[in-house]
Amino acid sequence: MSIKVTGLDQFRKKLDELKNKVESMSGEHSIPINDLLTPDFLATCSTFASAEEMFERSGFKVDSQEDFAAIPDDAWDDFISANTSYLNWQEMLKAAGAAWTKARLGF
């Protein structure tokens, strides 16, 4: 009695593709906020349709990275806690980064 196994080449190809994706993501990356806070991500944790809407509704002037950096951390964390399912900005960024990574890896 023999067993014929098929699909191993296809499986190996998928593993190689995944390995290449992981290797391309190694190291540090600068990811635009709109790529992290996608409408799909925001739909899972807030009522915001986009990062732009979130910044507009925050009540803070956010026209540049410098504007954003000038927002007091406690005030921004309070806004995030009150308007998303996250306790603070760092928690939200960590989750958004995980979602971005999963999407880039094809999961």
PDB file of N, CA and C in Angstrom:
ATOM      1  N   MET A   1       0.848  -1.167   0.000  1.00  0.00           N
ATOM      2  CA  MET A   1       0.000   0.000   0.000  1.00  0.00           C
ATOM      3  C   MET A   1       0.899   1.239   0.000  1.00  0.00           C
ATOM      4  N   SER A   2       0.577   2.191  -0.840  1.00  0.00           N
ATOM      5  CA  SER A   2       1.340   3.433  -0.894  1.00  0.00           C
ATOM      6  C   SER A   2       0.401   4.622  -0.790  1.00  0.00           C
ATOM      7  N   ILE A   3       0.957   5.694  -0.294  1.00  0.00           N
ATOM      8  CA  ILE A   3       0.182   6.929  -0.157  1.00  0.00           C
ATOM      9  C   ILE A   3       0.832   7.972  -1.042  1.00  0.00           C
ATOM     10  N   LYS A   4       0.017   8.586  -1.848  1.00  0.00           N
ATOM     11  CA  LYS A   4       0.521   9.636  -2.722  1.00  0.00           C
ATOM     12  C   LYS A   4       0.224  10.992  -2.075  1.00  0.00           C
ATOM     13  N   VAL A   5       1.271  11.761  -1.864  1.00  0.00           N
ATOM     14  CA  VAL A   5       1.133  13.088  -1.261  1.00  0.00           C
ATOM     15  C   VAL A   5       1.333  14.114  -2.376  1.00  0.00           C
ATOM     16  N   THR A   6       0.360  14.988  -2.509  1.00  0.00           N
ATOM     17  CA  THR A   6       0.463  16.031  -3.522  1.00  0.00           C
ATOM     18  C   THR A   6       0.374  17.389  -2.843  1.00  0.00           C
ATOM     19  N   GLY A   7       0.844  18.378  -3.539  1.00  0.00           N
ATOM     20  CA  GLY A   7       0.726  19.734  -3.022  1.00  0.00           C
ATOM     21  C   GLY A   7       1.925  20.223  -2.241  1.00  0.00           C
ATOM     22  N   LEU A   8       2.935  19.359  -2.043  1.00  0.00           N
ATOM     23  CA  LEU A   8       4.100  19.799  -1.270  1.00  0.00           C
ATOM     24  C   LEU A   8       4.867  20.903  -1.979  1.00  0.00           C
ATOM     25  N   ASP A   9       4.943  20.841  -3.293  1.00  0.00           N
ATOM     26  CA  ASP A   9       5.631  21.908  -4.020  1.00  0.00           C
ATOM     27  C   ASP A   9       4.911  23.240  -3.839  1.00  0.00           C
ATOM     28  N   GLN A  10       3.600  23.197  -3.898  1.00  0.00           N
ATOM     29  CA  GLN A  10       2.809  24.418  -3.707  1.00  0.00           C
ATOM     30  C   GLN A  10       2.979  24.946  -2.277  1.00  0.00           C
ATOM     31  N   PHE A  11       3.003  24.030  -1.305  1.00  0.00           N
ATOM     32  CA  PHE A  11       3.201  24.416   0.087  1.00  0.00           C
ATOM     33  C   PHE A  11       4.579  25.051   0.280  1.00  0.00           C
ATOM     34  N   ARG A  12       5.595  24.447  -0.309  1.00  0.00           N
ATOM     35  CA  ARG A  12       6.961  24.967  -0.212  1.00  0.00           C
ATOM     36  C   ARG A  12       7.028  26.366  -0.840  1.00  0.00           C
ATOM     37  N   LYS A  13       6.338  26.549  -1.968  1.00  0.00           N
ATOM     38  CA  LYS A  13       6.324  27.857  -2.627  1.00  0.00           C
ATOM     39  C   LYS A  13       5.686  28.906  -1.715  1.00  0.00           C
ATOM     40  N   LYS A  14       4.584  28.552  -1.065  1.00  0.00           N
ATOM     41  CA  LYS A  14       3.912  29.484  -0.148  1.00  0.00           C
ATOM     42  C   LYS A  14       4.814  29.822   1.039  1.00  0.00           C
ATOM     43  N   LEU A  15       5.526  28.815   1.550  1.00  0.00           N
ATOM     44  CA  LEU A  15       6.455  29.078   2.655  1.00  0.00           C
ATOM     45  C   LEU A  15       7.580  30.012   2.218  1.00  0.00           C
ATOM     46  N   ASP A  16       8.092  29.811   1.007  1.00  0.00           N
ATOM     47  CA  ASP A  16       9.141  30.694   0.490  1.00  0.00           C
ATOM     48  C   ASP A  16       8.629  32.123   0.337  1.00  0.00           C
ATOM     49  N   GLU A  17       7.393  32.276  -0.140  1.00  0.00           N
ATOM     50  CA  GLU A  17       6.803  33.610  -0.276  1.00  0.00           C
ATOM     51  C   GLU A  17       6.669  34.275   1.080  1.00  0.00           C
ATOM     52  N   LEU A  18       6.203  33.517   2.071  1.00  0.00           N
ATOM     53  CA  LEU A  18       6.055  34.055   3.417  1.00  0.00           C
ATOM     54  C   LEU A  18       7.416  34.444   3.986  1.00  0.00           C
ATOM     55  N   LYS A  19       8.424  33.614   3.784  1.00  0.00           N
ATOM     56  CA  LYS A  19       9.780  33.910   4.249  1.00  0.00           C
ATOM     57  C   LYS A  19      10.283  35.209   3.629  1.00  0.00           C
ATOM     58  N   ASN A  20      10.057  35.393   2.342  1.00  0.00           N
ATOM     59  CA  ASN A  20      10.492  36.620   1.664  1.00  0.00           C
ATOM     60  C   ASN A  20       9.778  37.848   2.217  1.00  0.00           C
ATOM     61  N   LYS A  21       8.486  37.712   2.493  1.00  0.00           N
ATOM     62  CA  LYS A  21       7.734  38.831   3.065  1.00  0.00           C
ATOM     63  C   LYS A  21       8.266  39.192   4.445  1.00  0.00           C
ATOM     64  N   VAL A  22       8.530  38.168   5.254  1.00  0.00           N
ATOM     65  CA  VAL A  22       9.054  38.411   6.606  1.00  0.00           C
ATOM     66  C   VAL A  22      10.417  39.085   6.526  1.00  0.00           C
ATOM     67  N   GLU A  23      11.272  38.605   5.650  1.00  0.00           N
ATOM     68  CA  GLU A  23      12.603  39.203   5.501  1.00  0.00           C
ATOM     69  C   GLU A  23      12.523  40.655   5.042  1.00  0.00           C
ATOM     70  N   SER A  24      11.565  40.949   4.162  1.00  0.00           N
ATOM     71  CA  SER A  24      11.437  42.327   3.682  1.00  0.00           C
ATOM     72  C   SER A  24      10.933  43.268   4.769  1.00  0.00           C
ATOM     73  N   MET A  25      10.324  42.712   5.799  1.00  0.00           N
ATOM     74  CA  MET A  25       9.788  43.529   6.881  1.00  0.00           C
ATOM     75  C   MET A  25      10.743  43.647   8.059  1.00  0.00           C
ATOM     76  N   SER A  26      11.859  42.963   8.018  1.00  0.00           N
ATOM     77  CA  SER A  26      12.765  43.027   9.161  1.00  0.00           C
ATOM     78  C   SER A  26      13.377  44.418   9.261  1.00  0.00           C
ATOM     79  N   GLY A  27      13.761  44.779  10.459  1.00  0.00           N
ATOM     80  CA  GLY A  27      14.336  46.095  10.683  1.00  0.00           C
ATOM     81  C   GLY A  27      13.281  47.117  11.047  1.00  0.00           C
ATOM     82  N   GLU A  28      13.677  48.359  11.037  1.00  0.00           N
ATOM     83  CA  GLU A  28      12.792  49.459  11.390  1.00  0.00           C
ATOM     84  C   GLU A  28      12.108  50.014  10.157  1.00  0.00           C
ATOM     85  N   HIS A  29      10.855  50.414  10.320  1.00  0.00           N
ATOM     86  CA  HIS A  29      10.090  50.987   9.219  1.00  0.00           C
ATOM     87  C   HIS A  29       9.407  52.266   9.676  1.00  0.00           C
ATOM     88  N   SER A  30       9.292  53.192   8.769  1.00  0.00           N
ATOM     89  CA  SER A  30       8.519  54.389   9.004  1.00  0.00           C
ATOM     90  C   SER A  30       7.239  54.238   8.189  1.00  0.00           C
ATOM     91  N   ILE A  31       6.135  54.064   8.889  1.00  0.00           N
ATOM     92  CA  ILE A  31       4.866  53.770   8.228  1.00  0.00           C
ATOM     93  C   ILE A  31       3.961  54.999   8.340  1.00  0.00           C
ATOM     94  N   PRO A  32       3.477  55.500   7.220  1.00  0.00           N
ATOM     95  CA  PRO A  32       2.554  56.643   7.284  1.00  0.00           C
ATOM     96  C   PRO A  32       1.325  56.306   8.135  1.00  0.00           C
ATOM     97  N   ILE A  33       0.876  57.275   8.906  1.00  0.00           N
ATOM     98  CA  ILE A  33      -0.234  57.051   9.830  1.00  0.00           C
ATOM     99  C   ILE A  33      -1.486  56.558   9.109  1.00  0.00           C
ATOM    100  N   ASN A  34      -1.708  57.020   7.883  1.00  0.00           N
ATOM    101  CA  ASN A  34      -2.888  56.564   7.132  1.00  0.00           C
ATOM    102  C   ASN A  34      -2.779  55.103   6.729  1.00  0.00           C
ATOM    103  N   ASP A  35      -1.546  54.578   6.638  1.00  0.00           N
ATOM    104  CA  ASP A  35      -1.363  53.155   6.353  1.00  0.00           C
ATOM    105  C   ASP A  35      -1.595  52.310   7.595  1.00  0.00           C
ATOM    106  N   LEU A  36      -1.387  52.893   8.766  1.00  0.00           N
ATOM    107  CA  LEU A  36      -1.653  52.182  10.022  1.00  0.00           C
ATOM    108  C   LEU A  36      -3.110  52.288  10.426  1.00  0.00           C
ATOM    109  N   LEU A  37      -3.617  53.498  10.412  1.00  0.00           N
ATOM    110  CA  LEU A  37      -5.000  53.728  10.852  1.00  0.00           C
ATOM    111  C   LEU A  37      -5.931  53.686   9.647  1.00  0.00           C
ATOM    112  N   THR A  38      -6.049  52.520   9.071  1.00  0.00           N
ATOM    113  CA  THR A  38      -6.893  52.346   7.890  1.00  0.00           C
ATOM    114  C   THR A  38      -8.361  52.413   8.288  1.00  0.00           C
ATOM    115  N   PRO A  39      -9.235  52.684   7.328  1.00  0.00           N
ATOM    116  CA  PRO A  39     -10.664  52.663   7.641  1.00  0.00           C
ATOM    117  C   PRO A  39     -11.116  51.332   8.241  1.00  0.00           C
ATOM    118  N   ASP A  40     -10.574  50.218   7.743  1.00  0.00           N
ATOM    119  CA  ASP A  40     -10.944  48.907   8.301  1.00  0.00           C
ATOM    120  C   ASP A  40     -10.517  48.787   9.762  1.00  0.00           C
ATOM    121  N   PHE A  41      -9.294  49.212  10.056  1.00  0.00           N
ATOM    122  CA  PHE A  41      -8.825  49.153  11.447  1.00  0.00           C
ATOM    123  C   PHE A  41      -9.680  50.050  12.332  1.00  0.00           C
ATOM    124  N   LEU A  42      -9.894  51.280  11.904  1.00  0.00           N
ATOM    125  CA  LEU A  42     -10.671  52.218  12.716  1.00  0.00           C
ATOM    126  C   LEU A  42     -12.102  51.738  12.929  1.00  0.00           C
ATOM    127  N   ALA A  43     -12.657  51.034  11.955  1.00  0.00           N
ATOM    128  CA  ALA A  43     -14.022  50.506  12.091  1.00  0.00           C
ATOM    129  C   ALA A  43     -14.110  49.473  13.211  1.00  0.00           C
ATOM    130  N   THR A  44     -13.003  48.806  13.517  1.00  0.00           N
ATOM    131  CA  THR A  44     -13.025  47.791  14.573  1.00  0.00           C
ATOM    132  C   THR A  44     -12.920  48.382  15.970  1.00  0.00           C
ATOM    133  N   CYS A  45     -12.504  49.657  16.067  1.00  0.00           N
ATOM    134  CA  CYS A  45     -12.240  50.201  17.402  1.00  0.00           C
ATOM    135  C   CYS A  45     -12.835  51.580  17.654  1.00  0.00           C
ATOM    136  N   SER A  46     -13.521  52.136  16.669  1.00  0.00           N
ATOM    137  CA  SER A  46     -14.028  53.501  16.841  1.00  0.00           C
ATOM    138  C   SER A  46     -15.174  53.760  15.865  1.00  0.00           C
ATOM    139  N   THR A  47     -15.661  54.985  15.900  1.00  0.00           N
ATOM    140  CA  THR A  47     -16.682  55.400  14.934  1.00  0.00           C
ATOM    141  C   THR A  47     -16.084  56.249  13.821  1.00  0.00           C
ATOM    142  N   PHE A  48     -14.761  56.383  13.815  1.00  0.00           N
ATOM    143  CA  PHE A  48     -14.087  57.201  12.810  1.00  0.00           C
ATOM    144  C   PHE A  48     -13.992  56.453  11.484  1.00  0.00           C
ATOM    145  N   ALA A  49     -14.207  57.172  10.393  1.00  0.00           N
ATOM    146  CA  ALA A  49     -14.095  56.579   9.059  1.00  0.00           C
ATOM    147  C   ALA A  49     -12.676  56.667   8.515  1.00  0.00           C
ATOM    148  N   SER A  50     -11.867  57.562   9.091  1.00  0.00           N
ATOM    149  CA  SER A  50     -10.496  57.745   8.601  1.00  0.00           C
ATOM    150  C   SER A  50      -9.660  58.395   9.698  1.00  0.00           C
ATOM    151  N   ALA A  51      -8.348  58.340   9.509  1.00  0.00           N
ATOM    152  CA  ALA A  51      -7.439  59.009  10.444  1.00  0.00           C
ATOM    153  C   ALA A  51      -7.693  60.511  10.416  1.00  0.00           C
ATOM    154  N   GLU A  52      -7.947  61.048   9.224  1.00  0.00           N
ATOM    155  CA  GLU A  52      -8.217  62.486   9.112  1.00  0.00           C
ATOM    156  C   GLU A  52      -9.421  62.888   9.950  1.00  0.00           C
ATOM    157  N   GLU A  53     -10.484  62.079   9.889  1.00  0.00           N
ATOM    158  CA  GLU A  53     -11.675  62.386  10.684  1.00  0.00           C
ATOM    159  C   GLU A  53     -11.353  62.326  12.176  1.00  0.00           C
ATOM    160  N   MET A  54     -10.569  61.341  12.578  1.00  0.00           N
ATOM    161  CA  MET A  54     -10.199  61.223  13.981  1.00  0.00           C
ATOM    162  C   MET A  54      -9.459  62.479  14.445  1.00  0.00           C
ATOM    163  N   PHE A  55      -8.484  62.933  13.647  1.00  0.00           N
ATOM    164  CA  PHE A  55      -7.737  64.131  14.022  1.00  0.00           C
ATOM    165  C   PHE A  55      -8.635  65.359  14.040  1.00  0.00           C
ATOM    166  N   GLU A  56      -9.521  65.490  13.060  1.00  0.00           N
ATOM    167  CA  GLU A  56     -10.442  66.635  13.018  1.00  0.00           C
ATOM    168  C   GLU A  56     -11.339  66.664  14.244  1.00  0.00           C
ATOM    169  N   ARG A  57     -11.891  65.513  14.611  1.00  0.00           N
ATOM    170  CA  ARG A  57     -12.819  65.449  15.740  1.00  0.00           C
ATOM    171  C   ARG A  57     -12.118  65.514  17.092  1.00  0.00           C
ATOM    172  N   SER A  58     -10.797  65.433  17.092  1.00  0.00           N
ATOM    173  CA  SER A  58     -10.070  65.457  18.367  1.00  0.00           C
ATOM    174  C   SER A  58     -10.096  66.835  19.016  1.00  0.00           C
ATOM    175  N   GLY A  59     -10.300  67.858  18.201  1.00  0.00           N
ATOM    176  CA  GLY A  59     -10.266  69.207  18.740  1.00  0.00           C
ATOM    177  C   GLY A  59      -8.866  69.804  18.767  1.00  0.00           C
ATOM    178  N   PHE A  60      -7.872  69.011  18.385  1.00  0.00           N
ATOM    179  CA  PHE A  60      -6.497  69.491  18.317  1.00  0.00           C
ATOM    180  C   PHE A  60      -6.167  69.856  16.874  1.00  0.00           C
ATOM    181  N   LYS A  61      -5.324  70.852  16.710  1.00  0.00           N
ATOM    182  CA  LYS A  61      -4.851  71.214  15.373  1.00  0.00           C
ATOM    183  C   LYS A  61      -3.782  70.195  14.978  1.00  0.00           C
ATOM    184  N   VAL A  62      -4.062  69.434  13.903  1.00  0.00           N
ATOM    185  CA  VAL A  62      -3.121  68.417  13.440  1.00  0.00           C
ATOM    186  C   VAL A  62      -2.988  68.561  11.927  1.00  0.00           C
ATOM    187  N   ASP A  63      -2.211  69.558  11.524  1.00  0.00           N
ATOM    188  CA  ASP A  63      -1.943  69.771  10.100  1.00  0.00           C
ATOM    189  C   ASP A  63      -0.565  69.268   9.696  1.00  0.00           C
ATOM    190  N   SER A  64       0.243  68.901  10.700  1.00  0.00           N
ATOM    191  CA  SER A  64       1.601  68.439  10.413  1.00  0.00           C
ATOM    192  C   SER A  64       2.050  67.503  11.531  1.00  0.00           C
ATOM    193  N   GLN A  65       3.165  66.863  11.295  1.00  0.00           N
ATOM    194  CA  GLN A  65       3.741  65.992  12.314  1.00  0.00           C
ATOM    195  C   GLN A  65       4.133  66.806  13.549  1.00  0.00           C
ATOM    196  N   GLU A  66       4.570  68.037  13.318  1.00  0.00           N
ATOM    197  CA  GLU A  66       4.935  68.905  14.429  1.00  0.00           C
ATOM    198  C   GLU A  66       3.714  69.251  15.278  1.00  0.00           C
ATOM    199  N   ASP A  67       2.571  69.515  14.613  1.00  0.00           N
ATOM    200  CA  ASP A  67       1.334  69.785  15.348  1.00  0.00           C
ATOM    201  C   ASP A  67       0.976  68.599  16.241  1.00  0.00           C
ATOM    202  N   PHE A  68       1.075  67.416  15.658  1.00  0.00           N
ATOM    203  CA  PHE A  68       0.730  66.214  16.422  1.00  0.00           C
ATOM    204  C   PHE A  68       1.669  66.038  17.609  1.00  0.00           C
ATOM    205  N   ALA A  69       2.955  66.244  17.392  1.00  0.00           N
ATOM    206  CA  ALA A  69       3.940  66.103  18.465  1.00  0.00           C
ATOM    207  C   ALA A  69       3.707  67.112  19.585  1.00  0.00           C
ATOM    208  N   ALA A  70       3.084  68.239  19.274  1.00  0.00           N
ATOM    209  CA  ALA A  70       2.843  69.283  20.275  1.00  0.00           C
ATOM    210  C   ALA A  70       1.650  68.972  21.185  1.00  0.00           C
ATOM    211  N   ILE A  71       0.842  67.983  20.839  1.00  0.00           N
ATOM    212  CA  ILE A  71      -0.309  67.627  21.673  1.00  0.00           C
ATOM    213  C   ILE A  71       0.207  66.959  22.944  1.00  0.00           C
ATOM    214  N   PRO A  72      -0.236  67.422  24.112  1.00  0.00           N
ATOM    215  CA  PRO A  72       0.186  66.775  25.358  1.00  0.00           C
ATOM    216  C   PRO A  72      -0.233  65.292  25.367  1.00  0.00           C
ATOM    217  N   ASP A  73       0.700  64.423  25.748  1.00  0.00           N
ATOM    218  CA  ASP A  73       0.437  62.979  25.728  1.00  0.00           C
ATOM    219  C   ASP A  73      -0.809  62.615  26.528  1.00  0.00           C
ATOM    220  N   ASP A  74      -0.964  63.191  27.717  1.00  0.00           N
ATOM    221  CA  ASP A  74      -2.121  62.854  28.549  1.00  0.00           C
ATOM    222  C   ASP A  74      -3.433  63.248  27.881  1.00  0.00           C
ATOM    223  N   ALA A  75      -3.451  64.389  27.242  1.00  0.00           N
ATOM    224  CA  ALA A  75      -4.668  64.847  26.572  1.00  0.00           C
ATOM    225  C   ALA A  75      -5.010  63.933  25.386  1.00  0.00           C
ATOM    226  N   TRP A  76      -3.988  63.532  24.636  1.00  0.00           N
ATOM    227  CA  TRP A  76      -4.238  62.642  23.493  1.00  0.00           C
ATOM    228  C   TRP A  76      -4.678  61.264  23.985  1.00  0.00           C
ATOM    229  N   ASP A  77      -4.049  60.753  25.026  1.00  0.00           N
ATOM    230  CA  ASP A  77      -4.458  59.464  25.590  1.00  0.00           C
ATOM    231  C   ASP A  77      -5.901  59.519  26.082  1.00  0.00           C
ATOM    232  N   ASP A  78      -6.290  60.648  26.699  1.00  0.00           N
ATOM    233  CA  ASP A  78      -7.676  60.810  27.149  1.00  0.00           C
ATOM    234  C   ASP A  78      -8.633  60.765  25.963  1.00  0.00           C
ATOM    235  N   PHE A  79      -8.277  61.423  24.863  1.00  0.00           N
ATOM    236  CA  PHE A  79      -9.115  61.407  23.666  1.00  0.00           C
ATOM    237  C   PHE A  79      -9.234  59.988  23.115  1.00  0.00           C
ATOM    238  N   ILE A  80      -8.119  59.283  23.022  1.00  0.00           N
ATOM    239  CA  ILE A  80      -8.125  57.912  22.502  1.00  0.00           C
ATOM    240  C   ILE A  80      -8.971  57.012  23.397  1.00  0.00           C
ATOM    241  N   SER A  81      -8.801  57.127  24.693  1.00  0.00           N
ATOM    242  CA  SER A  81      -9.552  56.311  25.640  1.00  0.00           C
ATOM    243  C   SER A  81     -11.058  56.571  25.549  1.00  0.00           C
ATOM    244  N   ALA A  82     -11.423  57.819  25.362  1.00  0.00           N
ATOM    245  CA  ALA A  82     -12.839  58.191  25.306  1.00  0.00           C
ATOM    246  C   ALA A  82     -13.493  57.875  23.967  1.00  0.00           C
ATOM    247  N   ASN A  83     -12.705  57.736  22.901  1.00  0.00           N
ATOM    248  CA  ASN A  83     -13.288  57.624  21.564  1.00  0.00           C
ATOM    249  C   ASN A  83     -12.922  56.351  20.802  1.00  0.00           C
ATOM    250  N   THR A  84     -12.163  55.477  21.437  1.00  0.00           N
ATOM    251  CA  THR A  84     -11.815  54.195  20.808  1.00  0.00           C
ATOM    252  C   THR A  84     -11.924  53.102  21.863  1.00  0.00           C
ATOM    253  N   SER A  85     -11.697  51.886  21.452  1.00  0.00           N
ATOM    254  CA  SER A  85     -11.719  50.780  22.408  1.00  0.00           C
ATOM    255  C   SER A  85     -10.369  50.594  23.099  1.00  0.00           C
ATOM    256  N   TYR A  86      -9.430  51.494  22.854  1.00  0.00           N
ATOM    257  CA  TYR A  86      -8.100  51.386  23.454  1.00  0.00           C
ATOM    258  C   TYR A  86      -7.958  52.318  24.641  1.00  0.00           C
ATOM    259  N   LEU A  87      -7.099  51.922  25.579  1.00  0.00           N
ATOM    260  CA  LEU A  87      -6.883  52.728  26.778  1.00  0.00           C
ATOM    261  C   LEU A  87      -6.013  53.941  26.526  1.00  0.00           C
ATOM    262  N   ASN A  88      -5.114  53.831  25.524  1.00  0.00           N
ATOM    263  CA  ASN A  88      -4.210  54.941  25.244  1.00  0.00           C
ATOM    264  C   ASN A  88      -3.668  54.816  23.823  1.00  0.00           C
ATOM    265  N   TRP A  89      -2.922  55.827  23.405  1.00  0.00           N
ATOM    266  CA  TRP A  89      -2.385  55.914  22.052  1.00  0.00           C
ATOM    267  C   TRP A  89      -1.397  54.789  21.765  1.00  0.00           C
ATOM    268  N   GLN A  90      -0.523  54.477  22.712  1.00  0.00           N
ATOM    269  CA  GLN A  90       0.469  53.433  22.485  1.00  0.00           C
ATOM    270  C   GLN A  90      -0.197  52.081  22.264  1.00  0.00           C
ATOM    271  N   GLU A  91      -1.236  51.794  23.019  1.00  0.00           N
ATOM    272  CA  GLU A  91      -1.979  50.540  22.846  1.00  0.00           C
ATOM    273  C   GLU A  91      -2.618  50.493  21.455  1.00  0.00           C
ATOM    274  N   MET A  92      -3.171  51.613  21.041  1.00  0.00           N
ATOM    275  CA  MET A  92      -3.801  51.686  19.722  1.00  0.00           C
ATOM    276  C   MET A  92      -2.760  51.517  18.614  1.00  0.00           C
ATOM    277  N   LEU A  93      -1.625  52.188  18.740  1.00  0.00           N
ATOM    278  CA  LEU A  93      -0.561  52.052  17.740  1.00  0.00           C
ATOM    279  C   LEU A  93      -0.039  50.626  17.660  1.00  0.00           C
ATOM    280  N   LYS A  94       0.107  49.992  18.799  1.00  0.00           N
ATOM    281  CA  LYS A  94       0.588  48.603  18.825  1.00  0.00           C
ATOM    282  C   LYS A  94      -0.396  47.696  18.074  1.00  0.00           C
ATOM    283  N   ALA A  95      -1.677  47.863  18.321  1.00  0.00           N
ATOM    284  CA  ALA A  95      -2.683  47.057  17.632  1.00  0.00           C
ATOM    285  C   ALA A  95      -2.718  47.369  16.138  1.00  0.00           C
ATOM    286  N   ALA A  96      -2.600  48.648  15.798  1.00  0.00           N
ATOM    287  CA  ALA A  96      -2.587  49.031  14.380  1.00  0.00           C
ATOM    288  C   ALA A  96      -1.355  48.453  13.683  1.00  0.00           C
ATOM    289  N   GLY A  97      -0.224  48.453  14.371  1.00  0.00           N
ATOM    290  CA  GLY A  97       0.995  47.868  13.813  1.00  0.00           C
ATOM    291  C   GLY A  97       0.855  46.375  13.591  1.00  0.00           C
ATOM    292  N   ALA A  98       0.214  45.697  14.516  1.00  0.00           N
ATOM    293  CA  ALA A  98      -0.019  44.257  14.359  1.00  0.00           C
ATOM    294  C   ALA A  98      -0.944  43.986  13.177  1.00  0.00           C
ATOM    295  N   ALA A  99      -1.992  44.799  13.035  1.00  0.00           N
ATOM    296  CA  ALA A  99      -2.913  44.636  11.902  1.00  0.00           C
ATOM    297  C   ALA A  99      -2.193  44.905  10.585  1.00  0.00           C
ATOM    298  N   TRP A 100      -1.339  45.933  10.551  1.00  0.00           N
ATOM    299  CA  TRP A 100      -0.566  46.260   9.352  1.00  0.00           C
ATOM    300  C   TRP A 100       0.347  45.104   8.981  1.00  0.00           C
ATOM    301  N   THR A 101       1.009  44.540   9.987  1.00  0.00           N
ATOM    302  CA  THR A 101       1.928  43.419   9.748  1.00  0.00           C
ATOM    303  C   THR A 101       1.177  42.213   9.201  1.00  0.00           C
ATOM    304  N   LYS A 102       0.057  41.885   9.822  1.00  0.00           N
ATOM    305  CA  LYS A 102      -0.743  40.744   9.343  1.00  0.00           C
ATOM    306  C   LYS A 102      -1.164  40.950   7.896  1.00  0.00           C
ATOM    307  N   ALA A 103      -1.586  42.147   7.570  1.00  0.00           N
ATOM    308  CA  ALA A 103      -2.013  42.427   6.199  1.00  0.00           C
ATOM    309  C   ALA A 103      -0.852  42.295   5.216  1.00  0.00           C
ATOM    310  N   ARG A 104       0.316  42.807   5.603  1.00  0.00           N
ATOM    311  CA  ARG A 104       1.503  42.718   4.731  1.00  0.00           C
ATOM    312  C   ARG A 104       1.945  41.279   4.527  1.00  0.00           C
ATOM    313  N   LEU A 105       1.725  40.440   5.529  1.00  0.00           N
ATOM    314  CA  LEU A 105       2.099  39.039   5.408  1.00  0.00           C
ATOM    315  C   LEU A 105       1.032  38.203   4.718  1.00  0.00           C
ATOM    316  N   GLY A 106      -0.120  38.810   4.480  1.00  0.00           N
ATOM    317  CA  GLY A 106      -1.181  38.119   3.758  1.00  0.00           C
ATOM    318  C   GLY A 106      -2.094  37.278   4.625  1.00  0.00           C
ATOM    319  N   PHE A 107      -2.185  37.624   5.902  1.00  0.00           N
ATOM    320  CA  PHE A 107      -3.081  36.877   6.808  1.00  0.00           C
ATOM    321  C   PHE A 107      -4.386  37.587   6.986  1.00  0.00           C
TER     322      PHE A 107
END
